[in-house]
C-alpha atoms as a PDB file:
ATOM      1  CA  MET A   1     -20.302  15.736 -12.165  1.00  0.00           C
ATOM      2  CA  ARG A   2     -23.672  14.770 -13.640  1.00  0.00           C
ATOM      3  CA  SER A   3     -22.346  11.362 -14.621  1.00  0.00           C
ATOM      4  CA  ILE A   4     -20.893  10.823 -11.141  1.00  0.00           C
ATOM      5  CA  ALA A   5     -24.168  11.868  -9.498  1.00  0.00           C
ATOM      6  CA  LYS A   6     -26.121   9.520 -11.739  1.00  0.00           C
ATOM      7  CA  LYS A   7     -23.826   6.536 -11.086  1.00  0.00           C
ATOM      8  CA  ALA A   8     -23.835   7.259  -7.351  1.00  0.00           C
ATOM      9  CA  GLY A   9     -27.604   7.666  -7.315  1.00  0.00           C
ATOM     10  CA  VAL A  10     -27.482  11.084  -5.694  1.00  0.00           C
ATOM     11  CA  ASN A  11     -28.915  14.454  -6.589  1.00  0.00           C
ATOM     12  CA  TYR A  12     -26.564  16.452  -8.847  1.00  0.00           C
ATOM     13  CA  ALA A  13     -27.189  19.730  -7.005  1.00  0.00           C
ATOM     14  CA  LEU A  14     -26.419  18.096  -3.678  1.00  0.00           C
ATOM     15  CA  LEU A  15     -23.220  16.548  -5.025  1.00  0.00           C
ATOM     16  CA  HIS A  16     -22.126  19.873  -6.476  1.00  0.00           C
ATOM     17  CA  TYR A  17     -22.989  21.712  -3.261  1.00  0.00           C
ATOM     18  CA  TYR A  18     -20.737  19.485  -1.152  1.00  0.00           C
ATOM     19  CA  PHE A  19     -17.881  18.859  -3.566  1.00  0.00           C
ATOM     20  CA  LYS A  20     -17.947  21.662  -6.202  1.00  0.00           C
ATOM     21  CA  THR A  21     -15.714  19.810  -8.690  1.00  0.00           C
ATOM     22  CA  LYS A  22     -14.853  16.260  -9.692  1.00  0.00           C
ATOM     23  CA  ASP A  23     -11.247  17.025  -8.744  1.00  0.00           C
ATOM     24  CA  LYS A  24     -12.428  17.598  -5.164  1.00  0.00           C
ATOM     25  CA  ILE A  25     -14.285  14.262  -5.212  1.00  0.00           C
ATOM     26  CA  PHE A  26     -11.167  12.606  -6.586  1.00  0.00           C
ATOM     27  CA  GLU A  27      -9.035  14.184  -3.844  1.00  0.00           C
ATOM     28  CA  ILE A  28     -11.354  12.886  -1.127  1.00  0.00           C
ATOM     29  CA  VAL A  29     -11.560   9.390  -2.627  1.00  0.00           C
ATOM     30  CA  PHE A  30      -7.805   9.183  -3.111  1.00  0.00           C
ATOM     31  CA  ASN A  31      -7.123  10.486   0.399  1.00  0.00           C
ATOM     32  CA  GLU A  32      -9.336   7.758   1.830  1.00  0.00           C
ATOM     33  CA  ALA A  33      -7.757   5.106  -0.396  1.00  0.00           C
ATOM     34  CA  PHE A  34      -4.252   6.182   0.558  1.00  0.00           C
ATOM     35  CA  ALA A  35      -5.132   6.328   4.250  1.00  0.00           C
ATOM     36  CA  THR A  36      -6.748   2.882   4.102  1.00  0.00           C
ATOM     37  CA  LEU A  37      -3.672   1.397   2.466  1.00  0.00           C
ATOM     38  CA  PHE A  38      -1.367   2.795   5.147  1.00  0.00           C
ATOM     39  CA  ARG A  39      -3.607   2.830   8.235  1.00  0.00           C
ATOM     40  CA  GLN A  40      -2.573  -0.566   9.542  1.00  0.00           C
ATOM     41  CA  LEU A  41       1.052   0.055   8.714  1.00  0.00           C
ATOM     42  CA  SER A  42       1.351   2.164  11.842  1.00  0.00           C
ATOM     43  CA  VAL A  43       0.524  -0.943  13.909  1.00  0.00           C
ATOM     44  CA  ALA A  44       3.445  -2.796  12.344  1.00  0.00           C
ATOM     45  CA  LEU A  45       5.862   0.116  12.521  1.00  0.00           C
ATOM     46  CA  THR A  46       5.141   0.922  16.169  1.00  0.00           C
ATOM     47  CA  SER A  47       5.280  -2.655  17.430  1.00  0.00           C
ATOM     48  CA  ASP A  48       8.052  -3.804  19.741  1.00  0.00           C
ATOM     49  CA  ALA A  49       8.934  -6.563  17.281  1.00  0.00           C
ATOM     50  CA  ASP A  50      12.425  -6.991  15.889  1.00  0.00           C
ATOM     51  CA  VAL A  51      13.246  -5.942  12.327  1.00  0.00           C
ATOM     52  CA  PHE A  52      12.418  -9.359  10.872  1.00  0.00           C
ATOM     53  CA  ASP A  53       9.028  -9.539  12.566  1.00  0.00           C
ATOM     54  CA  LYS A  54       8.292  -5.954  11.521  1.00  0.00           C
ATOM     55  CA  ILE A  55       8.910  -6.949   7.915  1.00  0.00           C
ATOM     56  CA  ARG A  56       6.497  -9.871   8.368  1.00  0.00           C
ATOM     57  CA  LEU A  57       3.943  -7.514   9.938  1.00  0.00           C
ATOM     58  CA  MET A  58       4.293  -4.999   7.111  1.00  0.00           C
ATOM     59  CA  VAL A  59       3.800  -7.669   4.453  1.00  0.00           C
ATOM     60  CA  THR A  60       0.847  -9.042   6.411  1.00  0.00           C
ATOM     61  CA  GLU A  61      -0.818  -5.627   6.688  1.00  0.00           C
ATOM     62  CA  TYR A  62      -0.343  -4.815   2.999  1.00  0.00           C
ATOM     63  CA  VAL A  63      -1.693  -8.200   1.875  1.00  0.00           C
ATOM     64  CA  ARG A  64      -4.622  -8.260   4.320  1.00  0.00           C
ATOM     65  CA  THR A  65      -5.622  -4.709   3.386  1.00  0.00           C
ATOM     66  CA  ALA A  66      -5.477  -5.625  -0.299  1.00  0.00           C
ATOM     67  CA  GLN A  67      -7.580  -8.719   0.380  1.00  0.00           C
ATOM     68  CA  ARG A  68     -10.234  -6.573   2.069  1.00  0.00           C
ATOM     69  CA  TYR A  69     -10.072  -3.925  -0.680  1.00  0.00           C
ATOM     70  CA  PRO A  70      -8.798  -5.790  -3.769  1.00  0.00           C
ATOM     71  CA  GLN A  71      -9.236  -2.864  -6.160  1.00  0.00           C
ATOM     72  CA  LEU A  72      -7.416  -0.402  -3.906  1.00  0.00           C
ATOM     73  CA  PRO A  73      -3.787  -1.113  -4.932  1.00  0.00           C
ATOM     74  CA  GLY A  74      -4.643  -0.919  -8.636  1.00  0.00           C
ATOM     75  CA  PHE A  75      -6.645   2.271  -8.117  1.00  0.00           C
ATOM     76  CA  VAL A  76      -3.803   3.957  -6.230  1.00  0.00           C
ATOM     77  CA  MET A  77      -1.153   2.864  -8.762  1.00  0.00           C
ATOM     78  CA  ASN A  78      -3.293   3.868 -11.725  1.00  0.00           C
ATOM     79  CA  GLU A  79      -4.003   7.291 -10.280  1.00  0.00           C
ATOM     80  CA  LEU A  80      -0.332   7.814  -9.505  1.00  0.00           C
ATOM     81  CA  ALA A  81       0.484   6.982 -13.122  1.00  0.00           C
ATOM     82  CA  VAL A  82      -2.400   8.752 -14.875  1.00  0.00           C
ATOM     83  CA  ASN A  83      -3.265  11.671 -12.589  1.00  0.00           C
ATOM     84  CA  PHE A  84       0.044  12.445 -10.942  1.00  0.00           C
ATOM     85  CA  HIS A  85      -0.529  16.181 -11.454  1.00  0.00           C
ATOM     86  CA  LEU A  86      -3.664  15.866  -9.309  1.00  0.00           C
ATOM     87  CA  MET A  87      -1.950  13.508  -6.902  1.00  0.00           C
ATOM     88  CA  MET A  88       1.106  15.552  -6.013  1.00  0.00           C
ATOM     89  CA  PRO A  89      -0.694  18.183  -3.905  1.00  0.00           C
ATOM     90  CA  VAL A  90      -2.695  15.452  -2.161  1.00  0.00           C
ATOM     91  CA  LEU A  91       0.436  13.401  -1.471  1.00  0.00           C
ATOM     92  CA  LYS A  92       2.388  16.397  -0.191  1.00  0.00           C
ATOM     93  CA  LYS A  93      -0.480  17.364   2.098  1.00  0.00           C
ATOM     94  CA  HIS A  94      -0.832  13.769   3.290  1.00  0.00           C
ATOM     95  CA  LYS A  95       2.910  13.484   3.904  1.00  0.00           C
ATOM     96  CA  ALA A  96       2.987  16.699   5.918  1.00  0.00           C
ATOM     97  CA  GLN A  97       0.037  15.684   8.081  1.00  0.00           C
ATOM     98  CA  ASN A  98       0.583  11.975   8.342  1.00  0.00           C
ATOM     99  CA  HIS A  99       2.663  10.422  11.057  1.00  0.00           C
ATOM    100  CA  VAL A 100       3.292   7.332   8.899  1.00  0.00           C
ATOM    101  CA  MET A 101       6.301   9.016   7.305  1.00  0.00           C
ATOM    102  CA  ARG A 102       7.762   9.650  10.763  1.00  0.00           C
ATOM    103  CA  LEU A 103       7.136   5.995  11.585  1.00  0.00           C
ATOM    104  CA  PHE A 104       9.061   5.004   8.474  1.00  0.00           C
ATOM    105  CA  ASP A 105      11.936   7.199   9.649  1.00  0.00           C
ATOM    106  CA  GLY A 106      11.969   5.195  12.883  1.00  0.00           C
ATOM    107  CA  PHE A 107      11.955   1.946  10.906  1.00  0.00           C
ATOM    108  CA  TYR A 108      14.845   3.226   8.784  1.00  0.00           C
ATOM    109  CA  MET A 109      16.817   3.816  11.998  1.00  0.00           C
ATOM    110  CA  GLU A 110      16.003   0.273  13.159  1.00  0.00           C
ATOM    111  CA  ILE A 111      17.334  -1.066   9.859  1.00  0.00           C
ATOM    112  CA  GLU A 112      20.577   0.830  10.370  1.00  0.00           C
ATOM    113  CA  GLN A 113      20.846  -0.456  13.958  1.00  0.00           C
ATOM    114  CA  ALA A 114      20.255  -4.048  12.797  1.00  0.00           C
ATOM    115  CA  TYR A 115      23.092  -3.566  10.302  1.00  0.00           C
ATOM    116  CA  GLN A 116      25.369  -2.151  13.011  1.00  0.00           C
ATOM    117  CA  ARG A 117      24.630  -5.209  15.203  1.00  0.00           C
ATOM    118  CA  GLY A 118      25.495  -7.533  12.305  1.00  0.00           C
ATOM    119  CA  LEU A 119      21.960  -8.926  11.953  1.00  0.00           C
ATOM    120  CA  ILE A 120      21.463  -7.811   8.351  1.00  0.00           C
ATOM    121  CA  LYS A 121      23.489  -6.800   5.317  1.00  0.00           C
ATOM    122  CA  LYS A 122      23.894  -3.138   4.491  1.00  0.00           C
ATOM    123  CA  VAL A 123      20.656  -2.175   2.772  1.00  0.00           C
ATOM    124  CA  ASN A 124      19.027   1.064   1.764  1.00  0.00           C
ATOM    125  CA  PRO A 125      15.939   1.206   4.013  1.00  0.00           C
ATOM    126  CA  LYS A 126      13.889   2.971   1.333  1.00  0.00           C
ATOM    127  CA  ASP A 127      14.739   0.208  -1.138  1.00  0.00           C
ATOM    128  CA  LEU A 128      13.743  -2.361   1.466  1.00  0.00           C
ATOM    129  CA  CYS A 129      10.370  -0.647   2.007  1.00  0.00           C
ATOM    130  CA  THR A 130       9.854  -0.492  -1.753  1.00  0.00           C
ATOM    131  CA  ASP A 131      10.551  -4.237  -1.946  1.00  0.00           C
ATOM    132  CA  ILE A 132       8.067  -4.930   0.847  1.00  0.00           C
ATOM    133  CA  LEU A 133       5.403  -2.802  -0.816  1.00  0.00           C
ATOM    134  CA  SER A 134       5.904  -4.199  -4.297  1.00  0.00           C
ATOM    135  CA  MET A 135       6.148  -7.868  -3.312  1.00  0.00           C
ATOM    136  CA  SER A 136       3.036  -7.510  -1.185  1.00  0.00           C
ATOM    137  CA  LEU A 137       0.827  -5.553  -3.571  1.00  0.00           C
ATOM    138  CA  PHE A 138       1.919  -6.410  -7.104  1.00  0.00           C
ATOM    139  CA  PRO A 139      -0.194  -9.595  -7.253  1.00  0.00           C
ATOM    140  CA  PHE A 140      -3.303  -7.513  -6.541  1.00  0.00           C
ATOM    141  CA  ILE A 141      -2.406  -4.911  -9.164  1.00  0.00           C
ATOM    142  CA  ALA A 142      -1.867  -7.618 -11.790  1.00  0.00           C
ATOM    143  CA  LYS A 143      -4.611  -9.924 -10.498  1.00  0.00           C
ATOM    144  CA  LYS A 144      -6.534 -10.371 -13.756  1.00  0.00           C
ATOM    145  CA  CYS A 145      -3.424 -11.235 -15.715  1.00  0.00           C
ATOM    146  CA  LEU A 146      -1.929 -13.474 -13.034  1.00  0.00           C
ATOM    147  CA  ALA A 147      -5.207 -15.276 -12.296  1.00  0.00           C
ATOM    148  CA  GLU A 148      -5.884 -16.060 -15.953  1.00  0.00           C
ATOM    149  CA  LEU A 149      -2.428 -16.651 -17.407  1.00  0.00           C
ATOM    150  CA  ILE A 150      -0.326 -18.023 -14.578  1.00  0.00           C
ATOM    151  CA  TYR A 151      -2.642 -19.399 -11.909  1.00  0.00           C
ATOM    152  CA  GLU A 152      -5.338 -20.591 -14.320  1.00  0.00           C
ATOM    153  CA  GLY A 153      -8.226 -19.229 -12.330  1.00  0.00           C
ATOM    154  CA  GLU A 154      -9.235 -17.205  -9.348  1.00  0.00           C
ATOM    155  CA  ASP A 155      -9.272 -20.121  -6.886  1.00  0.00           C
ATOM    156  CA  SER A 156      -5.633 -20.929  -7.595  1.00  0.00           C
ATOM    157  CA  PHE A 157      -4.745 -17.238  -7.455  1.00  0.00           C
ATOM    158  CA  ASN A 158      -6.452 -16.912  -4.054  1.00  0.00           C
ATOM    159  CA  GLN A 159      -4.493 -19.918  -2.765  1.00  0.00           C
ATOM    160  CA  MET A 160      -1.288 -18.196  -3.829  1.00  0.00           C
ATOM    161  CA  ILE A 161      -2.371 -15.029  -1.998  1.00  0.00           C
ATOM    162  CA  GLU A 162      -2.893 -17.020   1.208  1.00  0.00           C
ATOM    163  CA  GLN A 163       0.706 -18.198   0.945  1.00  0.00           C
ATOM    164  CA  ARG A 164       1.981 -14.801  -0.190  1.00  0.00           C
ATOM    165  CA  ILE A 165       2.584 -13.373   3.262  1.00  0.00           C
ATOM    166  CA  GLU A 166       5.067 -16.029   4.291  1.00  0.00           C
ATOM    167  CA  HIS A 167       6.595 -16.293   0.818  1.00  0.00           C
ATOM    168  CA  ALA A 168       7.202 -12.553   0.348  1.00  0.00           C
ATOM    169  CA  ALA A 169       8.350 -11.995   3.938  1.00  0.00           C
ATOM    170  CA  SER A 170      10.784 -14.926   3.763  1.00  0.00           C
ATOM    171  CA  MET A 171      12.244 -13.789   0.452  1.00  0.00           C
ATOM    172  CA  ILE A 172      12.786 -10.259   1.742  1.00  0.00           C
ATOM    173  CA  ILE A 173      14.224 -11.363   5.089  1.00  0.00           C
ATOM    174  CA  ASN A 174      16.519 -13.958   3.485  1.00  0.00           C
ATOM    175  CA  SER A 175      17.822 -11.331   1.070  1.00  0.00           C
ATOM    176  CA  ILE A 176      19.022  -9.064   3.902  1.00  0.00           C
ATOM    177  CA  ARG A 177      19.946 -11.544   6.638  1.00  0.00           C
ATOM    178  CA  THR A 178      23.668 -12.002   7.235  1.00  0.00           C
END
């Protein structure tokens, strides 16, 4: 707590008074990070767009959020990997209180309806959402490696990111379209 107070430039006693433990600080920071990552998703999931446009909107929201907060995807993934024991109660609480999961349930139903109408191949909606999430956010999680080894610099990497929305959305849509 002392180290956190020092790095944040706040009084230790004040920090301790409001947060008590570093686990509580972590919980608050992770809650905000998680909420930020999924806040705009509700816009995409509640739109009147068809399934294909919703996929484009989801990819767009993930990429744009990661552009605004480039360290957020890596932070969330790292904490899920390293501090899962601290994360599970936070995630369960977030899931119970957050309407985003209900919105995903609605999207899952739309996927099934699109299949029934012959617009898309049979696909597991959860797998589809995992594909959307991973294709949208992986470049941000692996940014240092990708920028240096594959794109030979940050400018080239940033150009790829600008094209990422259309590229990822098209790949996902083409993989499910009949």
